[in-house]
Amino acid sequence: MSTVFNFTFVPWFRSVAPYIHKFRHQTFVVGLTGEAIAAGKLHSIAQDLAMIQAMGVKIVLVHGFRPQVNEQLQAKGHAAHYSHGMRITDSVALDCAQEAAGQLRYEIEAAFSQGLPNTPMAGSTVRMISGNFITARPVGIVDGVDFKHSGVVRKVDVASITHSLDFGAMVLISPFGFSPTGEAFNLAMEEVATSVAIALKADKLIFLSEVAGIRQHPGQPNGEDNPIDTELPLAQARELLARMPASQRPTDTGFYLQHCVKACQGGVERSHIIPFAVDGALLLEIYVHDGIGTMVVDEKLEELREATVDDVGGILQLIEPFERDGTLVKRDRTEIERDVASYTIIEHDGVIFGCAALYPYPEARTAEMAAVTVSPQSQGTGDGEKLLKRIEQRARNLGLDSIFVLTTRTMHWFIKRGFQQVDPDWLPEARKRKYNWDRRSQVLVKKL
């Protein structure tokens, strides 16, 4: 069991390292729904946030309290009222909101104060700072509906939040704002988190929500043929929102999506919708290649491009395991640096997940597609096909008639994509002289 654990843990931990380096010193705003706390998820979420902060991420935590306020109202025999997707906060509801916020703040601070031995919080020191960081104004009367003590964000005290984060603290914000005259307003957690993320120019806005994310076919039944869309470009997200009716409930497709779109339009690089029901959802979304929920980005993070000398280290790290097990012929750093312009790579969020090189033989009007590699983390996601199409296009641009590969283990993958097996004698003379007869690689050709 120990050997199996070592075999799986070490490669996994190494694969996480680029994300740890990338996110160090970045700022994440996390919107935690009251439903997540009511479902008993607070302690596990606190443990994950403490670990993320320990890896150098600055965290602003904005909590909601929808079910807690409704519970307080029910206990007082007072009905909850909503309109336009917002709570109508009368004087009774305002009292209930203040009571719920006080209780939740106590519970959250207690969760981050745990430090028992043999727990994920052992040895952790999480300073938590909260305060009157939000200036608000009343919603007022909308379509004849008086929202009373419900408000919207007017200003975020960026300087105070930034100072607290630089001090090494986690900032906790309740969905309350205050007017210059000291009047309190009940705010929506989603609007507060979005406004704070925009004001801080945060790197990520993350909603731990009741929903799993945005389906690839919104409005159709959930299932294996309608999975979560893990990466949604901003333009596509806007189009999707435009086709939807106004969201009234948190479970509506557009409820969190509208705030993600607003955040990205306001300068936040990435905004996420992830399910609090999945244990470790934060860690899975932040430190795993495809994540677990939906990420809205201003542009596609995955980039297919030709390599530069700065990519040599990433290419070496990608192909080294495949060279070690014999799938690829070993190439040293000098060779890759010399030929780096021949390489096409797939980069995602600063990490190289795929590569392939093109070596032309103009006299034979063909070229070799070599060093074809896709990281195990992204195999089966179509990265191999993307690399093949780009290599084919590069060969066509050179006026070549075909491309060929030499392989010992992936012959069927290439045959399914239009390659045909030929005798090694087919190879161009220059390549035939370098053919390793001991390796007995299969030669496969595809006409362009």
Protein backbone atom coordinates (compact mmCIF):
# COMPACT_ATOMS: atom_id res chain seq x y z
CA MET A 1 0.00 0.00 0.00
CA SER A 2 2.87 2.34 0.86
CA THR A 3 4.49 1.76 -2.55
CA VAL A 4 1.20 2.41 -4.37
CA PHE A 5 0.69 5.61 -2.38
CA ASN A 6 4.20 6.84 -3.19
CA PHE A 7 3.75 5.99 -6.86
CA THR A 8 0.56 8.08 -7.13
CA PHE A 9 1.31 10.85 -4.64
CA VAL A 10 4.71 11.99 -5.92
CA PRO A 11 3.67 12.58 -9.59
CA TRP A 12 0.43 14.20 -8.43
CA PHE A 13 2.20 16.58 -6.07
CA ARG A 14 4.73 17.51 -8.75
CA SER A 15 1.89 18.21 -11.19
CA VAL A 16 0.37 20.65 -8.67
CA ALA A 17 3.63 22.58 -8.21
CA PRO A 18 3.22 24.89 -11.26
CA TYR A 19 -0.14 26.08 -9.91
CA ILE A 20 1.32 26.69 -6.46
CA HIS A 21 4.03 28.86 -8.00
CA LYS A 22 1.59 30.65 -10.30
CA PHE A 23 -0.98 31.58 -7.64
CA ARG A 24 1.46 32.68 -4.93
CA HIS A 25 0.78 36.34 -4.01
CA GLN A 26 -2.42 36.39 -6.10
CA THR A 27 -5.74 37.58 -4.65
CA PHE A 28 -8.83 35.34 -4.63
CA VAL A 29 -12.29 36.52 -3.57
CA VAL A 30 -14.42 33.59 -2.41
CA GLY A 31 -18.21 33.88 -2.17
CA LEU A 32 -19.47 31.34 0.37
CA THR A 33 -23.22 30.81 0.29
CA GLY A 34 -25.22 30.50 3.48
CA GLU A 35 -26.54 27.24 2.06
CA ALA A 36 -23.02 25.76 2.22
CA ILE A 37 -22.78 26.63 5.92
CA ALA A 38 -26.27 25.27 6.57
CA ALA A 39 -25.25 22.02 4.86
CA GLY A 40 -22.39 21.54 7.36
CA LYS A 41 -19.58 22.25 4.89
CA LEU A 42 -17.95 25.12 6.78
CA HIS A 43 -15.20 23.15 8.54
CA SER A 44 -13.93 21.35 5.42
CA ILE A 45 -14.06 24.59 3.40
CA ALA A 46 -12.17 26.41 6.16
CA GLN A 47 -9.47 23.72 6.09
CA ASP A 48 -9.10 24.04 2.31
CA LEU A 49 -8.97 27.84 2.44
CA ALA A 50 -6.34 27.69 5.18
CA MET A 51 -4.19 25.40 3.00
CA ILE A 52 -4.63 27.67 -0.02
CA GLN A 53 -3.61 30.68 2.06
CA ALA A 54 -0.59 28.75 3.40
CA MET A 55 0.54 28.37 -0.22
CA GLY A 56 0.75 32.14 -0.56
CA VAL A 57 -2.70 33.12 -1.86
CA LYS A 58 -4.38 36.25 -0.45
CA ILE A 59 -8.02 35.46 0.37
CA VAL A 60 -11.09 37.62 0.86
CA LEU A 61 -14.03 35.55 2.12
CA VAL A 62 -17.53 36.96 1.60
CA HIS A 63 -20.25 34.92 3.30
CA GLY A 64 -23.96 34.80 2.55
CA PHE A 65 -26.84 34.08 4.92
CA ARG A 66 -30.00 33.48 2.90
CA PRO A 67 -31.25 30.34 4.73
CA GLN A 68 -30.14 31.64 8.13
CA VAL A 69 -32.15 34.85 7.72
CA ASN A 70 -35.17 32.90 6.50
CA GLU A 71 -34.88 30.63 9.53
CA GLN A 72 -34.83 33.64 11.84
CA LEU A 73 -37.87 35.13 10.08
CA GLN A 74 -39.76 31.86 10.36
CA ALA A 75 -38.99 31.68 14.09
CA LYS A 76 -40.52 35.15 14.46
CA GLY A 77 -43.56 34.23 12.36
CA HIS A 78 -42.58 36.68 9.65
CA ALA A 79 -42.60 35.74 5.95
CA ALA A 80 -39.61 36.28 3.64
CA HIS A 81 -40.35 38.52 0.65
CA TYR A 82 -38.43 38.71 -2.63
CA SER A 83 -38.75 40.64 -5.86
CA HIS A 84 -36.48 40.90 -8.93
CA GLY A 85 -34.32 38.18 -7.38
CA MET A 86 -33.57 40.33 -4.29
CA ARG A 87 -34.77 40.24 -0.71
CA ILE A 88 -37.15 42.99 0.42
CA THR A 89 -35.63 43.91 3.78
CA ASP A 90 -38.15 45.43 6.15
CA SER A 91 -37.23 46.29 9.75
CA VAL A 92 -37.90 42.74 10.98
CA ALA A 93 -35.82 41.20 8.18
CA LEU A 94 -33.00 43.66 8.93
CA ASP A 95 -32.94 42.56 12.57
CA CYS A 96 -32.89 38.92 11.49
CA ALA A 97 -30.05 39.62 9.03
CA GLN A 98 -27.98 41.30 11.74
CA GLU A 99 -28.54 38.38 14.12
CA ALA A 100 -27.68 35.83 11.42
CA ALA A 101 -24.54 37.73 10.38
CA GLY A 102 -23.30 37.91 13.96
CA GLN A 103 -23.83 34.19 14.51
CA LEU A 104 -22.19 33.23 11.20
CA ARG A 105 -19.20 35.48 11.78
CA TYR A 106 -18.68 33.74 15.13
CA GLU A 107 -18.93 30.29 13.50
CA ILE A 108 -16.55 31.20 10.66
CA GLU A 109 -13.92 32.68 12.98
CA ALA A 110 -14.18 29.58 15.19
CA ALA A 111 -13.70 27.29 12.17
CA PHE A 112 -10.47 29.08 11.24
CA SER A 113 -9.20 28.89 14.82
CA GLN A 114 -9.03 25.10 14.92
CA GLY A 115 -5.57 23.66 15.44
CA LEU A 116 -5.97 20.14 16.81
CA PRO A 117 -3.11 17.69 16.14
CA ASN A 118 -3.63 15.22 13.27
CA THR A 119 -6.06 17.54 11.47
CA PRO A 120 -5.51 19.66 8.33
CA MET A 121 -5.55 22.78 10.53
CA ALA A 122 -2.75 21.55 12.83
CA GLY A 123 -0.03 24.19 13.13
CA SER A 124 -1.97 26.73 11.07
CA THR A 125 -2.28 30.35 12.08
CA VAL A 126 -5.08 32.12 10.23
CA ARG A 127 -5.56 35.72 11.23
CA MET A 128 -9.04 36.88 10.27
CA ILE A 129 -9.93 40.56 9.96
CA SER A 130 -13.41 41.93 9.34
CA GLY A 131 -14.80 45.44 9.32
CA ASN A 132 -16.93 48.09 7.69
CA PHE A 133 -15.29 47.79 4.29
CA ILE A 134 -18.45 48.42 2.25
CA THR A 135 -20.25 51.72 1.72
CA ALA A 136 -23.79 51.14 0.44
CA ARG A 137 -26.83 52.98 -0.83
CA PRO A 138 -30.49 51.86 -0.86
CA VAL A 139 -31.94 49.92 -3.76
CA GLY A 140 -34.95 52.23 -3.46
CA ILE A 141 -38.17 51.65 -5.36
CA VAL A 142 -38.01 49.47 -8.48
CA ASP A 143 -41.12 48.94 -10.64
CA GLY A 144 -43.23 50.15 -7.74
CA VAL A 145 -41.60 47.79 -5.21
CA ASP A 146 -39.98 49.41 -2.18
CA PHE A 147 -36.93 47.36 -1.15
CA LYS A 148 -36.65 49.30 2.15
CA HIS A 149 -33.39 48.32 3.90
CA SER A 150 -31.98 46.37 0.95
CA GLY A 151 -28.97 48.07 -0.60
CA VAL A 152 -26.32 47.89 -3.29
CA VAL A 153 -22.58 48.47 -3.07
CA ARG A 154 -21.54 52.06 -3.54
CA LYS A 155 -17.84 51.89 -2.63
CA VAL A 156 -15.27 49.32 -1.46
CA ASP A 157 -12.53 50.34 0.98
CA VAL A 158 -9.72 48.92 -1.13
CA ALA A 159 -6.91 50.45 0.93
CA SER A 160 -8.04 48.84 4.19
CA ILE A 161 -8.65 45.42 2.61
CA THR A 162 -5.29 45.50 0.82
CA HIS A 163 -3.50 46.51 4.02
CA SER A 164 -5.08 43.58 5.87
CA LEU A 165 -4.13 41.12 3.11
CA ASP A 166 -0.55 42.41 3.02
CA PHE A 167 -0.44 41.92 6.78
CA GLY A 168 -1.04 38.23 6.10
CA ALA A 169 -4.64 38.11 7.27
CA MET A 170 -7.69 36.60 5.63
CA VAL A 171 -10.39 39.25 5.23
CA LEU A 172 -13.97 38.31 6.17
CA ILE A 173 -16.81 40.41 4.79
CA SER A 174 -20.48 40.07 5.72
CA PRO A 175 -23.13 41.18 3.20
CA PHE A 176 -23.78 44.47 4.95
CA GLY A 177 -23.00 48.01 3.91
CA PHE A 178 -23.33 51.33 5.68
CA SER A 179 -24.26 54.77 4.47
CA PRO A 180 -22.23 57.87 5.45
CA THR A 181 -24.98 58.56 8.02
CA GLY A 182 -24.48 55.12 9.61
CA GLU A 183 -27.62 53.48 8.21
CA ALA A 184 -27.23 49.72 7.66
CA PHE A 185 -28.25 48.00 4.43
CA ASN A 186 -28.70 44.31 3.72
CA LEU A 187 -26.76 43.38 0.57
CA ALA A 188 -26.60 40.33 -1.67
CA MET A 189 -23.48 38.24 -1.06
CA GLU A 190 -23.00 37.74 -4.80
CA GLU A 191 -23.01 41.49 -5.49
CA VAL A 192 -20.61 42.19 -2.60
CA ALA A 193 -18.16 39.50 -3.73
CA THR A 194 -18.27 40.72 -7.33
CA SER A 195 -17.80 44.38 -6.35
CA VAL A 196 -14.90 43.54 -4.04
CA ALA A 197 -13.21 41.40 -6.71
CA ILE A 198 -13.47 44.19 -9.29
CA ALA A 199 -12.30 46.88 -6.87
CA LEU A 200 -9.28 44.80 -5.76
CA LYS A 201 -8.50 43.75 -9.34
CA ALA A 202 -8.55 40.20 -7.97
CA ASP A 203 -7.09 37.32 -9.94
CA LYS A 204 -10.06 35.04 -9.21
CA LEU A 205 -13.66 35.30 -8.04
CA ILE A 206 -14.98 31.94 -6.84
CA PHE A 207 -18.58 31.15 -5.89
CA LEU A 208 -19.09 28.05 -3.73
CA SER A 209 -22.67 27.52 -4.78
CA GLU A 210 -25.65 25.19 -4.80
CA VAL A 211 -25.14 24.42 -8.51
CA ALA A 212 -22.41 22.31 -10.12
CA GLY A 213 -21.67 24.89 -12.82
CA ILE A 214 -22.99 25.68 -16.29
CA ARG A 215 -23.94 22.70 -18.46
CA GLN A 216 -22.71 22.48 -22.05
CA HIS A 217 -26.39 22.48 -23.07
CA PRO A 218 -28.18 24.70 -20.51
CA GLY A 219 -31.86 23.90 -20.15
CA GLN A 220 -31.42 20.26 -21.12
CA PRO A 221 -31.42 17.43 -18.55
CA ASN A 222 -28.25 16.78 -16.60
CA GLY A 223 -26.33 13.66 -17.55
CA GLU A 224 -23.16 12.22 -19.04
CA ASP A 225 -24.14 13.58 -22.45
CA ASN A 226 -24.58 17.06 -20.96
CA PRO A 227 -21.53 17.60 -18.72
CA ILE A 228 -20.37 20.76 -16.99
CA ASP A 229 -18.66 23.24 -19.33
CA THR A 230 -15.37 23.69 -17.48
CA GLU A 231 -14.20 26.75 -19.44
CA LEU A 232 -16.59 29.36 -20.80
CA PRO A 233 -15.24 32.31 -22.81
CA LEU A 234 -16.67 35.66 -21.74
CA ALA A 235 -18.27 36.35 -25.13
CA GLN A 236 -20.07 33.00 -25.04
CA ALA A 237 -21.20 33.59 -21.46
CA ARG A 238 -22.68 36.96 -22.45
CA GLU A 239 -24.55 35.38 -25.36
CA LEU A 240 -25.90 32.69 -23.04
CA LEU A 241 -27.15 35.27 -20.53
CA ALA A 242 -28.81 37.30 -23.28
CA ARG A 243 -30.93 34.27 -24.24
CA MET A 244 -32.08 33.59 -20.68
CA PRO A 245 -34.90 35.14 -18.68
CA ALA A 246 -33.91 37.19 -15.64
CA SER A 247 -32.71 34.92 -12.82
CA GLN A 248 -34.85 34.87 -9.67
CA ARG A 249 -33.41 31.96 -7.66
CA PRO A 250 -29.85 30.83 -6.91
CA THR A 251 -30.49 27.56 -8.74
CA ASP A 252 -31.32 29.41 -11.98
CA THR A 253 -28.58 28.96 -14.61
CA GLY A 254 -27.89 32.66 -14.93
CA PHE A 255 -27.92 33.56 -11.22
CA TYR A 256 -24.19 33.20 -10.54
CA LEU A 257 -23.22 33.45 -14.20
CA GLN A 258 -24.36 37.08 -14.37
CA HIS A 259 -21.96 37.99 -11.57
CA CYS A 260 -19.12 36.03 -13.18
CA VAL A 261 -19.64 37.94 -16.42
CA LYS A 262 -19.76 41.27 -14.58
CA ALA A 263 -16.52 40.43 -12.76
CA CYS A 264 -14.65 39.49 -15.95
CA GLN A 265 -15.91 42.60 -17.69
CA GLY A 266 -14.62 44.58 -14.71
CA GLY A 267 -11.08 43.23 -15.00
CA VAL A 268 -11.12 40.01 -12.94
CA GLU A 269 -9.14 37.46 -14.96
CA ARG A 270 -11.21 34.41 -14.05
CA SER A 271 -14.47 33.78 -12.25
CA HIS A 272 -15.69 30.36 -11.12
CA ILE A 273 -18.90 28.58 -10.18
CA ILE A 274 -18.19 25.41 -8.18
CA PRO A 275 -20.39 23.09 -6.09
CA PHE A 276 -19.99 23.20 -2.31
CA ALA A 277 -21.51 19.69 -2.18
CA VAL A 278 -18.28 18.17 -3.56
CA ASP A 279 -15.66 17.71 -0.86
CA GLY A 280 -12.49 19.62 -1.74
CA ALA A 281 -14.16 21.54 -4.58
CA LEU A 282 -11.87 24.55 -4.05
CA LEU A 283 -8.72 22.43 -4.31
CA LEU A 284 -10.03 20.56 -7.34
CA GLU A 285 -10.92 23.78 -9.14
CA ILE A 286 -7.71 25.65 -8.38
CA TYR A 287 -5.03 22.96 -8.57
CA VAL A 288 -6.35 20.45 -11.13
CA HIS A 289 -6.06 21.03 -14.88
CA ASP A 290 -9.75 20.88 -15.88
CA GLY A 291 -11.21 21.84 -12.50
CA ILE A 292 -14.60 20.74 -11.29
CA GLY A 293 -16.99 23.61 -12.02
CA THR A 294 -17.32 26.33 -14.66
CA MET A 295 -14.66 28.98 -15.17
CA VAL A 296 -15.55 32.16 -17.09
CA VAL A 297 -12.52 33.76 -18.74
CA ASP A 298 -12.07 36.87 -20.86
CA GLU A 299 -10.35 34.69 -23.45
CA LYS A 300 -9.47 31.02 -23.82
CA LEU A 301 -6.68 30.14 -21.39
CA GLU A 302 -5.58 27.27 -23.60
CA GLU A 303 -3.23 28.48 -26.29
CA LEU A 304 -1.97 26.49 -29.27
CA ARG A 305 1.19 28.11 -30.57
CA GLU A 306 4.73 27.63 -31.85
CA ALA A 307 7.34 27.22 -29.12
CA THR A 308 10.04 29.69 -28.13
CA VAL A 309 13.29 29.20 -26.25
CA ASP A 310 11.45 30.08 -23.02
CA ASP A 311 9.39 26.89 -23.46
CA VAL A 312 12.36 24.48 -23.54
CA GLY A 313 12.17 23.73 -19.82
CA GLY A 314 8.44 22.99 -20.01
CA ILE A 315 8.90 20.73 -23.04
CA LEU A 316 11.65 18.78 -21.29
CA GLN A 317 9.49 18.32 -18.20
CA LEU A 318 6.58 17.11 -20.35
CA ILE A 319 8.47 14.55 -22.45
CA GLU A 320 10.90 13.24 -19.80
CA PRO A 321 8.52 10.56 -18.33
CA PHE A 322 7.77 9.28 -21.86
CA GLU A 323 11.47 9.09 -22.69
CA ARG A 324 12.09 7.21 -19.45
CA ASP A 325 9.51 4.50 -20.23
CA GLY A 326 10.67 4.17 -23.83
CA THR A 327 7.64 5.72 -25.55
CA LEU A 328 9.82 8.52 -26.97
CA VAL A 329 13.43 8.61 -28.15
CA LYS A 330 15.54 10.59 -25.69
CA ARG A 331 16.40 14.18 -26.67
CA ASP A 332 18.81 16.35 -24.73
CA ARG A 333 18.27 20.03 -23.91
CA THR A 334 20.76 21.21 -26.55
CA GLU A 335 18.87 19.40 -29.29
CA ILE A 336 15.50 20.83 -28.22
CA GLU A 337 16.94 24.36 -27.91
CA ARG A 338 18.39 24.04 -31.42
CA ASP A 339 15.10 22.80 -32.89
CA VAL A 340 12.66 24.74 -30.70
CA ALA A 341 11.18 26.61 -33.68
CA SER A 342 10.04 23.23 -35.03
CA TYR A 343 7.85 22.60 -31.96
CA THR A 344 4.16 23.36 -31.54
CA ILE A 345 2.87 23.41 -27.96
CA ILE A 346 -0.43 23.54 -26.08
CA GLU A 347 -0.18 25.80 -23.06
CA HIS A 348 -2.90 26.10 -20.44
CA ASP A 349 -2.70 28.64 -17.65
CA GLY A 350 1.09 28.89 -18.02
CA VAL A 351 1.69 25.11 -18.07
CA ILE A 352 2.63 23.12 -21.21
CA PHE A 353 0.32 20.10 -21.63
CA GLY A 354 1.21 18.98 -25.14
CA CYS A 355 3.88 19.29 -27.82
CA ALA A 356 4.85 18.01 -31.27
CA ALA A 357 7.71 18.84 -33.62
CA LEU A 358 7.77 19.08 -37.42
CA TYR A 359 11.01 18.18 -39.29
CA PRO A 360 10.65 18.83 -43.04
CA TYR A 361 12.35 16.83 -45.83
CA PRO A 362 11.62 19.16 -48.76
CA GLU A 363 13.42 17.01 -51.34
CA ALA A 364 10.88 14.22 -50.63
CA ARG A 365 7.98 16.68 -50.14
CA THR A 366 7.25 15.20 -46.71
CA ALA A 367 7.95 15.94 -43.03
CA GLU A 368 8.28 13.98 -39.80
CA MET A 369 5.92 14.65 -36.92
CA ALA A 370 8.06 13.83 -33.89
CA ALA A 371 8.05 14.08 -30.09
CA VAL A 372 4.24 13.91 -30.05
CA THR A 373 3.34 14.16 -26.37
CA VAL A 374 0.19 14.93 -24.37
CA SER A 375 0.27 15.11 -20.57
CA PRO A 376 -1.60 12.25 -18.83
CA GLN A 377 -3.66 14.96 -17.09
CA SER A 378 -5.23 16.09 -20.36
CA GLN A 379 -5.27 12.90 -22.42
CA GLY A 380 -8.71 12.24 -23.88
CA THR A 381 -9.59 15.96 -24.06
CA GLY A 382 -8.71 16.44 -27.73
CA ASP A 383 -5.26 18.01 -27.28
CA GLY A 384 -3.67 15.37 -29.50
CA GLU A 385 -6.04 16.18 -32.37
CA LYS A 386 -5.32 19.91 -31.97
CA LEU A 387 -1.59 19.31 -32.25
CA LEU A 388 -2.05 17.05 -35.28
CA LYS A 389 -4.18 19.64 -37.10
CA ARG A 390 -1.64 22.41 -36.43
CA ILE A 391 1.26 20.22 -37.62
CA GLU A 392 -0.70 19.34 -40.78
CA GLN A 393 -1.32 23.03 -41.42
CA ARG A 394 2.35 23.88 -40.95
CA ALA A 395 3.28 21.12 -43.43
CA ARG A 396 0.76 22.39 -45.99
CA ASN A 397 2.14 25.90 -45.65
CA LEU A 398 5.56 24.48 -46.58
CA GLY A 399 4.04 22.94 -49.75
CA LEU A 400 4.52 19.36 -48.57
CA ASP A 401 2.40 16.41 -49.67
CA SER A 402 2.49 14.24 -46.54
CA ILE A 403 3.64 13.84 -42.96
CA PHE A 404 4.94 10.70 -41.29
CA VAL A 405 5.54 9.41 -37.76
CA LEU A 406 7.68 6.71 -36.23
CA THR A 407 6.03 4.98 -33.28
CA THR A 408 6.33 1.82 -31.20
CA ARG A 409 3.21 2.13 -29.00
CA THR A 410 0.63 4.52 -30.45
CA MET A 411 0.12 3.11 -33.95
CA HIS A 412 -3.65 2.69 -33.58
CA TRP A 413 -4.14 6.32 -32.53
CA PHE A 414 -2.52 7.52 -35.75
CA ILE A 415 -4.28 4.95 -37.96
CA LYS A 416 -7.67 6.16 -36.63
CA ARG A 417 -6.66 9.64 -37.81
CA GLY A 418 -5.87 8.78 -41.40
CA PHE A 419 -2.30 7.46 -41.25
CA GLN A 420 -1.30 4.31 -43.14
CA GLN A 421 1.53 1.93 -42.32
CA VAL A 422 4.41 1.71 -44.81
CA ASP A 423 7.76 -0.08 -44.96
CA PRO A 424 10.73 1.79 -43.42
CA ASP A 425 12.27 1.83 -46.90
CA TRP A 426 9.64 4.48 -47.75
CA LEU A 427 11.47 7.02 -45.55
CA PRO A 428 13.43 9.85 -47.18
CA GLU A 429 17.10 8.92 -47.56
CA ALA A 430 18.26 11.43 -44.94
CA ARG A 431 15.81 10.01 -42.38
CA LYS A 432 16.46 6.40 -43.35
CA ARG A 433 20.12 6.80 -42.43
CA LYS A 434 19.05 7.75 -38.86
CA TYR A 435 16.45 4.98 -38.52
CA ASN A 436 17.08 2.78 -35.46
CA TRP A 437 16.53 -0.78 -36.70
CA ASP A 438 16.86 -2.13 -33.14
CA ARG A 439 13.94 -0.02 -31.96
CA ARG A 440 11.78 -1.37 -34.86
CA SER A 441 9.51 1.68 -34.93
CA GLN A 442 6.43 1.47 -37.16
CA VAL A 443 6.37 4.04 -39.98
CA LEU A 444 2.98 5.65 -40.62
CA VAL A 445 2.20 8.18 -43.36
CA LYS A 446 -0.69 10.58 -43.90
CA LYS A 447 -1.26 12.32 -47.22
CA LEU A 448 -2.28 15.96 -46.96
